[in-house]
Amino acid sequence: MYVAVCRLTLHVHGSRSLKDKRRVVVSLRDQLRRRFGVSVAEVDSQEAWQLAVIGIAGVSGTLTTARDLVDRAVEYAESTLTEAVVTSAEKDAFDY
């Protein structure tokens, strides 16, 4: 079993409250889960209004497929987010 993970940091511009940020995070989380079947959670900076740190994880029978799954999820997030911008994407993959 192979696991690929990504720590995605977002700047949610225009957010004036945690509710504003949560709306963006929940929308992205639901889209990534539905479209790619990856696990997604907000993993840090839960109390910051304009900063979101999202963990993404994908599991597959091959390392290449696991990496590709997470890469495609990150590319999707970068290309579709209108209320936030991806400021960093730290990726890793390993044999479990």
Protein backbone atom coordinates (compact mmCIF):
# COMPACT_ATOMS: atom_id res chain seq x y z
CA MET A 1 0.00 0.00 0.00
CA TYR A 2 1.29 3.46 -0.94
CA VAL A 3 0.27 6.76 0.62
CA ALA A 4 0.75 10.25 -0.81
CA VAL A 5 0.13 13.31 1.33
CA CYS A 6 0.16 17.07 0.90
CA ARG A 7 0.10 19.96 3.35
CA LEU A 8 -1.63 22.74 1.42
CA THR A 9 -1.44 26.28 2.82
CA LEU A 10 -4.04 28.78 1.64
CA HIS A 11 -4.43 32.52 2.04
CA VAL A 12 -8.17 33.23 2.13
CA HIS A 13 -8.28 36.84 0.96
CA GLY A 14 -11.30 38.87 1.92
CA SER A 15 -12.15 36.63 4.88
CA ARG A 16 -13.40 38.73 7.80
CA SER A 17 -14.34 35.89 10.14
CA LEU A 18 -13.80 32.22 10.84
CA LYS A 19 -17.21 31.62 9.26
CA ASP A 20 -15.99 33.14 5.97
CA LYS A 21 -12.86 30.98 6.03
CA ARG A 22 -14.77 27.84 6.99
CA ARG A 23 -17.10 28.29 4.01
CA VAL A 24 -14.12 28.26 1.62
CA VAL A 25 -12.43 25.33 3.37
CA VAL A 26 -15.57 23.18 3.53
CA SER A 27 -16.35 23.83 -0.13
CA LEU A 28 -12.83 22.85 -1.21
CA ARG A 29 -12.83 19.80 1.08
CA ASP A 30 -16.12 18.53 -0.34
CA GLN A 31 -15.03 19.10 -3.96
CA LEU A 32 -11.72 17.26 -3.49
CA ARG A 33 -13.35 14.33 -1.68
CA ARG A 34 -16.07 13.96 -4.31
CA ARG A 35 -13.88 14.47 -7.39
CA PHE A 36 -10.72 12.56 -6.36
CA GLY A 37 -11.72 10.32 -3.46
CA VAL A 38 -8.94 11.70 -1.25
CA SER A 39 -9.11 12.35 2.47
CA VAL A 40 -9.09 16.05 3.34
CA ALA A 41 -9.00 17.88 6.69
CA GLU A 42 -8.08 21.28 8.05
CA VAL A 43 -4.97 20.41 10.07
CA ASP A 44 -3.63 23.71 11.44
CA SER A 45 -4.39 27.43 11.95
CA GLN A 46 -8.06 26.76 12.71
CA GLU A 47 -8.35 30.07 14.59
CA ALA A 48 -6.76 32.27 11.90
CA TRP A 49 -9.21 34.16 9.70
CA GLN A 50 -7.22 34.32 6.49
CA LEU A 51 -4.91 31.31 6.81
CA ALA A 52 -5.96 27.70 6.20
CA VAL A 53 -3.76 24.62 6.32
CA ILE A 54 -5.33 21.61 4.62
CA GLY A 55 -4.07 18.02 4.73
CA ILE A 56 -4.76 15.84 1.69
CA ALA A 57 -4.07 12.09 1.60
CA GLY A 58 -4.49 9.49 -1.12
CA VAL A 59 -3.93 5.73 -0.96
CA SER A 60 -3.25 3.38 -3.87
CA GLY A 61 -1.65 0.09 -4.82
CA THR A 62 1.17 1.86 -6.66
CA LEU A 63 3.34 4.77 -5.66
CA THR A 64 2.86 6.48 -9.02
CA THR A 65 -0.91 6.37 -8.76
CA ALA A 66 -0.93 7.66 -5.18
CA ARG A 67 1.33 10.59 -6.13
CA ASP A 68 -0.72 11.33 -9.25
CA LEU A 69 -3.94 11.36 -7.24
CA VAL A 70 -2.64 13.97 -4.80
CA ASP A 71 -0.94 15.98 -7.57
CA ARG A 72 -4.22 16.20 -9.48
CA ALA A 73 -6.11 17.25 -6.32
CA VAL A 74 -3.59 20.04 -5.66
CA GLU A 75 -3.69 21.21 -9.29
CA TYR A 76 -7.48 21.29 -9.10
CA ALA A 77 -7.38 23.37 -5.91
CA GLU A 78 -4.87 25.80 -7.43
CA SER A 79 -6.90 26.24 -10.60
CA THR A 80 -10.41 26.51 -9.14
CA LEU A 81 -10.04 28.51 -5.94
CA THR A 82 -11.40 32.01 -6.44
CA GLU A 83 -11.60 33.18 -2.82
CA ALA A 84 -8.18 31.88 -1.78
CA VAL A 85 -4.71 31.36 -3.17
CA VAL A 86 -2.39 28.42 -2.55
CA THR A 87 0.77 29.75 -0.93
CA SER A 88 2.56 26.41 -0.49
CA ALA A 89 2.11 22.72 -1.20
CA GLU A 90 4.43 20.32 0.65
CA LYS A 91 4.11 16.80 -0.75
CA ASP A 92 5.45 13.41 0.26
CA ALA A 93 4.74 9.79 -0.61
CA PHE A 94 5.77 6.53 1.02
CA ASP A 95 5.26 2.78 1.20
CA TYR A 96 3.18 1.84 4.24
